[in-house]
Amino acid sequence: MKKNDFQIPSAPIVFIDLDETLVDRDTNSLWLEWRIKQRRDMKGIPELLIGLLNSSYYKKGRLTAGKMNRYFRARTLGLSSDRYSEMAESFFTEKGVHHVYSDAVGLVENLKNKCGHVVMITGQDDYLARPFFRHFNLGGLISNRRIVENRRFIGFETPNCYADGKISLAGKYAGEKGCRLSECAFFTDSISDLPLLENVKYPYAVNPDRELYAKAVESDWPVICFEK
């Protein structure tokens, strides 16, 4: 797979994915490595087990919003919102930032210079996504947002930021900014994001998985590959 020549789109909003698009691995795996191996935090074992199941579901095309939320709930068992926020910041500083693609930093800066408004859209939860969002100094963040009451996690906002839910959330965001989703651009690595890719004017495949690469070639979409 080679990096294609591509043009920066003239879009009012550019949506860009996080996992394996801006960073070189999925952030759930990075987080688990950090939590269990570096922190020796045994509270992360339930999260690990559910995460392994979800990875299997994802590969079989059977991952659902409910399964994702069950994983996120396991992550914060016994944690207050303040404690989880502190852990998310430490994770980013100690591990996450070291997996940011250097090429992604340049791409985002070019997108901001050309389009002005670049938005991270990710299936990650808002606590873990926020440090990456700030690192790239983006214009907006769309993620799976937790509901907090008295520093306790009590649920998630709907819709879930996954598959068709991403279309709803991105479309709502675009409307609030005075444009249509069909005028926007989207950069992502995964075939699971195909619904949103097919609803924007400018779809881009970045470090694509095998299925998305085949779809991008078939549809003549730009393919961008970063060096690790």
Protein backbone atom coordinates (compact mmCIF):
# COMPACT_ATOMS: atom_id res chain seq x y z
CA MET A 1 0.00 0.00 0.00
CA LYS A 2 1.50 3.33 -1.00
CA LYS A 3 0.69 6.86 0.00
CA ASN A 4 -1.35 8.43 -2.78
CA ASP A 5 -1.07 11.98 -4.01
CA PHE A 6 -4.09 13.83 -2.72
CA GLN A 7 -5.48 17.31 -2.46
CA ILE A 8 -6.67 19.00 0.72
CA PRO A 9 -10.45 19.30 0.33
CA SER A 10 -12.31 22.61 0.28
CA ALA A 11 -14.81 21.53 2.91
CA PRO A 12 -16.52 23.60 5.61
CA ILE A 13 -15.81 20.87 8.17
CA VAL A 14 -13.30 18.03 8.16
CA PHE A 15 -14.08 15.09 10.43
CA ILE A 16 -11.14 12.88 11.35
CA ASP A 17 -10.98 9.60 13.25
CA LEU A 18 -8.57 8.89 16.13
CA ASP A 19 -7.57 5.21 16.27
CA GLU A 20 -5.05 4.16 13.61
CA THR A 21 -5.71 7.44 11.81
CA LEU A 22 -4.09 9.99 14.11
CA VAL A 23 -2.37 7.37 16.29
CA ASP A 24 -0.64 4.18 15.17
CA ARG A 25 -2.77 1.75 17.22
CA ASP A 26 -6.20 1.64 18.71
CA THR A 27 -6.34 3.62 21.93
CA ASN A 28 -8.24 0.92 23.86
CA SER A 29 -5.30 -1.49 23.43
CA LEU A 30 -2.79 1.21 24.33
CA TRP A 31 -4.77 2.09 27.43
CA LEU A 32 -5.02 -1.51 28.58
CA GLU A 33 -1.27 -2.03 28.14
CA TRP A 34 -0.58 1.07 30.17
CA ARG A 35 -3.10 0.28 32.88
CA ILE A 36 -2.20 -3.36 33.48
CA LYS A 37 1.47 -3.65 32.55
CA GLN A 38 2.77 -0.29 33.70
CA ARG A 39 0.41 0.47 36.57
CA ARG A 40 -0.21 -3.14 37.59
CA ASP A 41 -3.83 -2.15 38.08
CA MET A 42 -5.76 -5.39 38.57
CA LYS A 43 -9.06 -3.48 38.42
CA GLY A 44 -8.42 -3.44 34.69
CA ILE A 45 -8.85 -7.23 34.35
CA PRO A 46 -12.64 -7.12 33.70
CA GLU A 47 -12.06 -4.44 31.08
CA LEU A 48 -9.36 -6.59 29.48
CA LEU A 49 -11.60 -9.65 29.25
CA ILE A 50 -14.53 -7.72 27.75
CA GLY A 51 -12.13 -5.91 25.43
CA LEU A 52 -10.87 -9.23 24.05
CA LEU A 53 -14.46 -10.33 23.44
CA ASN A 54 -15.26 -7.06 21.69
CA SER A 55 -12.21 -7.41 19.48
CA SER A 56 -13.56 -10.77 18.36
CA TYR A 57 -17.02 -9.28 17.76
CA TYR A 58 -15.49 -6.42 15.78
CA LYS A 59 -13.59 -8.78 13.46
CA LYS A 60 -16.81 -10.73 12.83
CA GLY A 61 -18.83 -7.55 12.20
CA ARG A 62 -20.92 -8.16 15.32
CA LEU A 63 -19.79 -5.30 17.54
CA THR A 64 -22.75 -3.24 18.75
CA ALA A 65 -23.19 -0.01 20.69
CA GLY A 66 -24.36 -2.03 23.69
CA LYS A 67 -21.22 -4.17 23.68
CA MET A 68 -19.05 -1.04 23.42
CA ASN A 69 -20.81 0.59 26.37
CA ARG A 70 -20.44 -2.57 28.46
CA TYR A 71 -16.69 -2.38 27.81
CA PHE A 72 -16.54 1.28 28.82
CA ARG A 73 -18.52 0.56 32.00
CA ALA A 74 -16.02 -2.17 32.94
CA ARG A 75 -13.21 0.35 32.49
CA THR A 76 -14.47 2.66 35.21
CA LEU A 77 -15.69 0.13 37.79
CA GLY A 78 -14.81 1.56 41.17
CA LEU A 79 -13.48 4.82 39.71
CA SER A 80 -14.82 8.31 40.31
CA SER A 81 -14.96 10.69 37.37
CA ASP A 82 -12.12 12.71 38.90
CA ARG A 83 -9.89 9.66 39.27
CA TYR A 84 -10.59 8.44 35.75
CA SER A 85 -9.82 11.91 34.39
CA GLU A 86 -6.47 11.89 36.19
CA MET A 87 -5.67 8.44 34.83
CA ALA A 88 -6.60 9.47 31.28
CA GLU A 89 -4.22 12.43 31.45
CA SER A 90 -1.41 10.26 32.83
CA PHE A 91 -2.00 7.65 30.14
CA PHE A 92 -1.72 10.25 27.40
CA THR A 93 1.47 11.76 28.82
CA GLU A 94 3.18 8.45 29.57
CA LYS A 95 2.06 6.41 26.55
CA GLY A 96 -0.59 7.84 24.23
CA VAL A 97 1.33 10.84 22.92
CA HIS A 98 4.21 8.58 21.86
CA HIS A 99 1.92 6.80 19.40
CA VAL A 100 0.76 9.91 17.56
CA TYR A 101 1.76 9.77 13.90
CA SER A 102 4.15 12.62 13.06
CA ASP A 103 2.60 12.68 9.59
CA ALA A 104 -0.82 13.12 11.20
CA VAL A 105 0.35 16.31 12.90
CA GLY A 106 1.31 17.76 9.51
CA LEU A 107 -1.92 16.60 7.90
CA VAL A 108 -4.05 18.21 10.60
CA GLU A 109 -2.18 21.50 10.32
CA ASN A 110 -2.70 21.52 6.55
CA LEU A 111 -6.39 20.77 7.03
CA LYS A 112 -6.77 23.60 9.55
CA ASN A 113 -4.99 26.02 7.24
CA LYS A 114 -7.16 25.08 4.23
CA CYS A 115 -10.53 24.35 5.82
CA GLY A 116 -10.32 26.02 9.20
CA HIS A 117 -12.57 23.65 11.16
CA VAL A 118 -11.30 20.14 11.92
CA VAL A 119 -13.27 17.86 14.25
CA MET A 120 -12.18 14.62 15.89
CA ILE A 121 -14.91 11.98 15.68
CA THR A 122 -14.20 8.76 17.53
CA GLY A 123 -15.80 5.76 19.19
CA GLN A 124 -13.50 6.32 22.16
CA ASP A 125 -15.03 7.78 25.32
CA ASP A 126 -14.71 11.51 25.92
CA TYR A 127 -12.28 11.20 28.84
CA LEU A 128 -9.66 9.23 26.92
CA ALA A 129 -10.21 11.16 23.67
CA ARG A 130 -9.92 14.63 25.19
CA PRO A 131 -6.11 14.72 25.69
CA PHE A 132 -5.59 13.74 22.02
CA PHE A 133 -8.12 16.39 20.98
CA ARG A 134 -6.19 19.06 22.88
CA HIS A 135 -2.86 17.83 21.53
CA PHE A 136 -4.00 18.48 17.95
CA ASN A 137 -5.76 21.72 18.95
CA LEU A 138 -8.87 20.77 17.00
CA GLY A 139 -12.07 22.72 16.58
CA GLY A 140 -14.43 20.11 17.98
CA LEU A 141 -14.71 16.66 19.56
CA ILE A 142 -17.44 14.09 18.92
CA SER A 143 -17.09 10.92 21.00
CA ASN A 144 -18.95 8.56 23.29
CA ARG A 145 -19.88 10.93 26.08
CA ARG A 146 -20.31 9.68 29.62
CA ILE A 147 -23.04 10.99 31.91
CA VAL A 148 -21.73 11.94 35.35
CA GLU A 149 -23.71 12.61 38.51
CA ASN A 150 -21.97 13.46 41.78
CA ARG A 151 -18.66 12.29 40.28
CA ARG A 152 -20.18 8.88 39.46
CA PHE A 153 -20.62 7.46 35.97
CA ILE A 154 -24.28 6.65 35.42
CA GLY A 155 -24.50 6.06 31.68
CA PHE A 156 -23.81 7.36 28.18
CA GLU A 157 -25.39 9.93 25.95
CA THR A 158 -27.14 8.64 22.84
CA PRO A 159 -26.67 7.89 20.04
CA ASN A 160 -23.46 5.94 20.40
CA CYS A 161 -20.63 7.32 18.27
CA TYR A 162 -20.29 4.20 16.14
CA ALA A 163 -21.47 3.19 12.64
CA ASP A 164 -24.82 4.86 11.91
CA GLY A 165 -24.59 6.80 15.17
CA LYS A 166 -21.60 8.67 13.74
CA ILE A 167 -23.78 9.86 10.86
CA SER A 168 -26.35 11.28 13.27
CA LEU A 169 -23.78 13.01 15.44
CA ALA A 170 -21.73 14.37 12.54
CA GLY A 171 -24.87 15.54 10.75
CA LYS A 172 -26.13 17.32 13.86
CA TYR A 173 -22.73 18.97 14.36
CA ALA A 174 -22.58 20.13 10.74
CA GLY A 175 -26.10 21.54 10.97
CA GLU A 176 -25.21 23.50 14.09
CA LYS A 177 -22.28 25.00 12.18
CA GLY A 178 -24.54 26.03 9.27
CA CYS A 179 -23.61 23.42 6.68
CA ARG A 180 -24.66 19.98 5.46
CA LEU A 181 -22.86 16.71 6.10
CA SER A 182 -22.86 16.14 2.34
CA GLU A 183 -20.48 19.13 2.00
CA CYS A 184 -17.93 17.82 4.50
CA ALA A 185 -14.85 15.58 4.48
CA PHE A 186 -14.02 12.51 6.57
CA PHE A 187 -10.65 10.81 7.16
CA THR A 188 -10.63 7.32 8.71
CA ASP A 189 -8.91 3.93 8.70
CA SER A 190 -11.78 1.50 9.20
CA ILE A 191 -14.44 -0.16 7.09
CA SER A 192 -16.73 0.19 10.12
CA ASP A 193 -16.89 3.89 9.23
CA LEU A 194 -18.24 3.19 5.75
CA PRO A 195 -21.71 4.64 6.56
CA LEU A 196 -20.20 8.04 7.31
CA LEU A 197 -17.70 7.87 4.44
CA GLU A 198 -20.61 7.39 2.04
CA ASN A 199 -22.45 10.41 3.44
CA VAL A 200 -19.73 13.05 2.97
CA LYS A 201 -18.50 14.80 -0.16
CA TYR A 202 -14.83 14.04 0.44
CA PRO A 203 -14.06 10.54 1.81
CA TYR A 204 -10.43 9.68 2.60
CA ALA A 205 -8.95 6.33 3.65
CA VAL A 206 -6.03 6.79 6.06
CA ASN A 207 -3.88 3.75 6.94
CA PRO A 208 -6.91 1.69 5.85
CA ASP A 209 -7.69 -1.85 6.87
CA ARG A 210 -7.90 -4.39 4.06
CA GLU A 211 -11.63 -3.99 3.50
CA LEU A 212 -11.53 -0.19 3.44
CA TYR A 213 -8.53 -0.20 1.12
CA ALA A 214 -10.43 -2.36 -1.36
CA LYS A 215 -13.47 -0.08 -1.12
CA ALA A 216 -11.33 3.03 -1.56
CA VAL A 217 -9.65 1.63 -4.68
CA GLU A 218 -13.01 0.56 -6.09
CA SER A 219 -14.54 3.99 -5.39
CA ASP A 220 -11.45 5.98 -6.40
CA TRP A 221 -11.13 7.56 -2.96
CA PRO A 222 -7.74 8.98 -1.91
CA VAL A 223 -5.62 6.59 0.19
CA ILE A 224 -3.09 8.01 2.65
CA CYS A 225 -0.55 5.85 4.47
CA PHE A 226 1.67 7.13 7.26
CA GLU A 227 5.09 5.83 8.26
CA LYS A 228 5.37 4.53 11.81
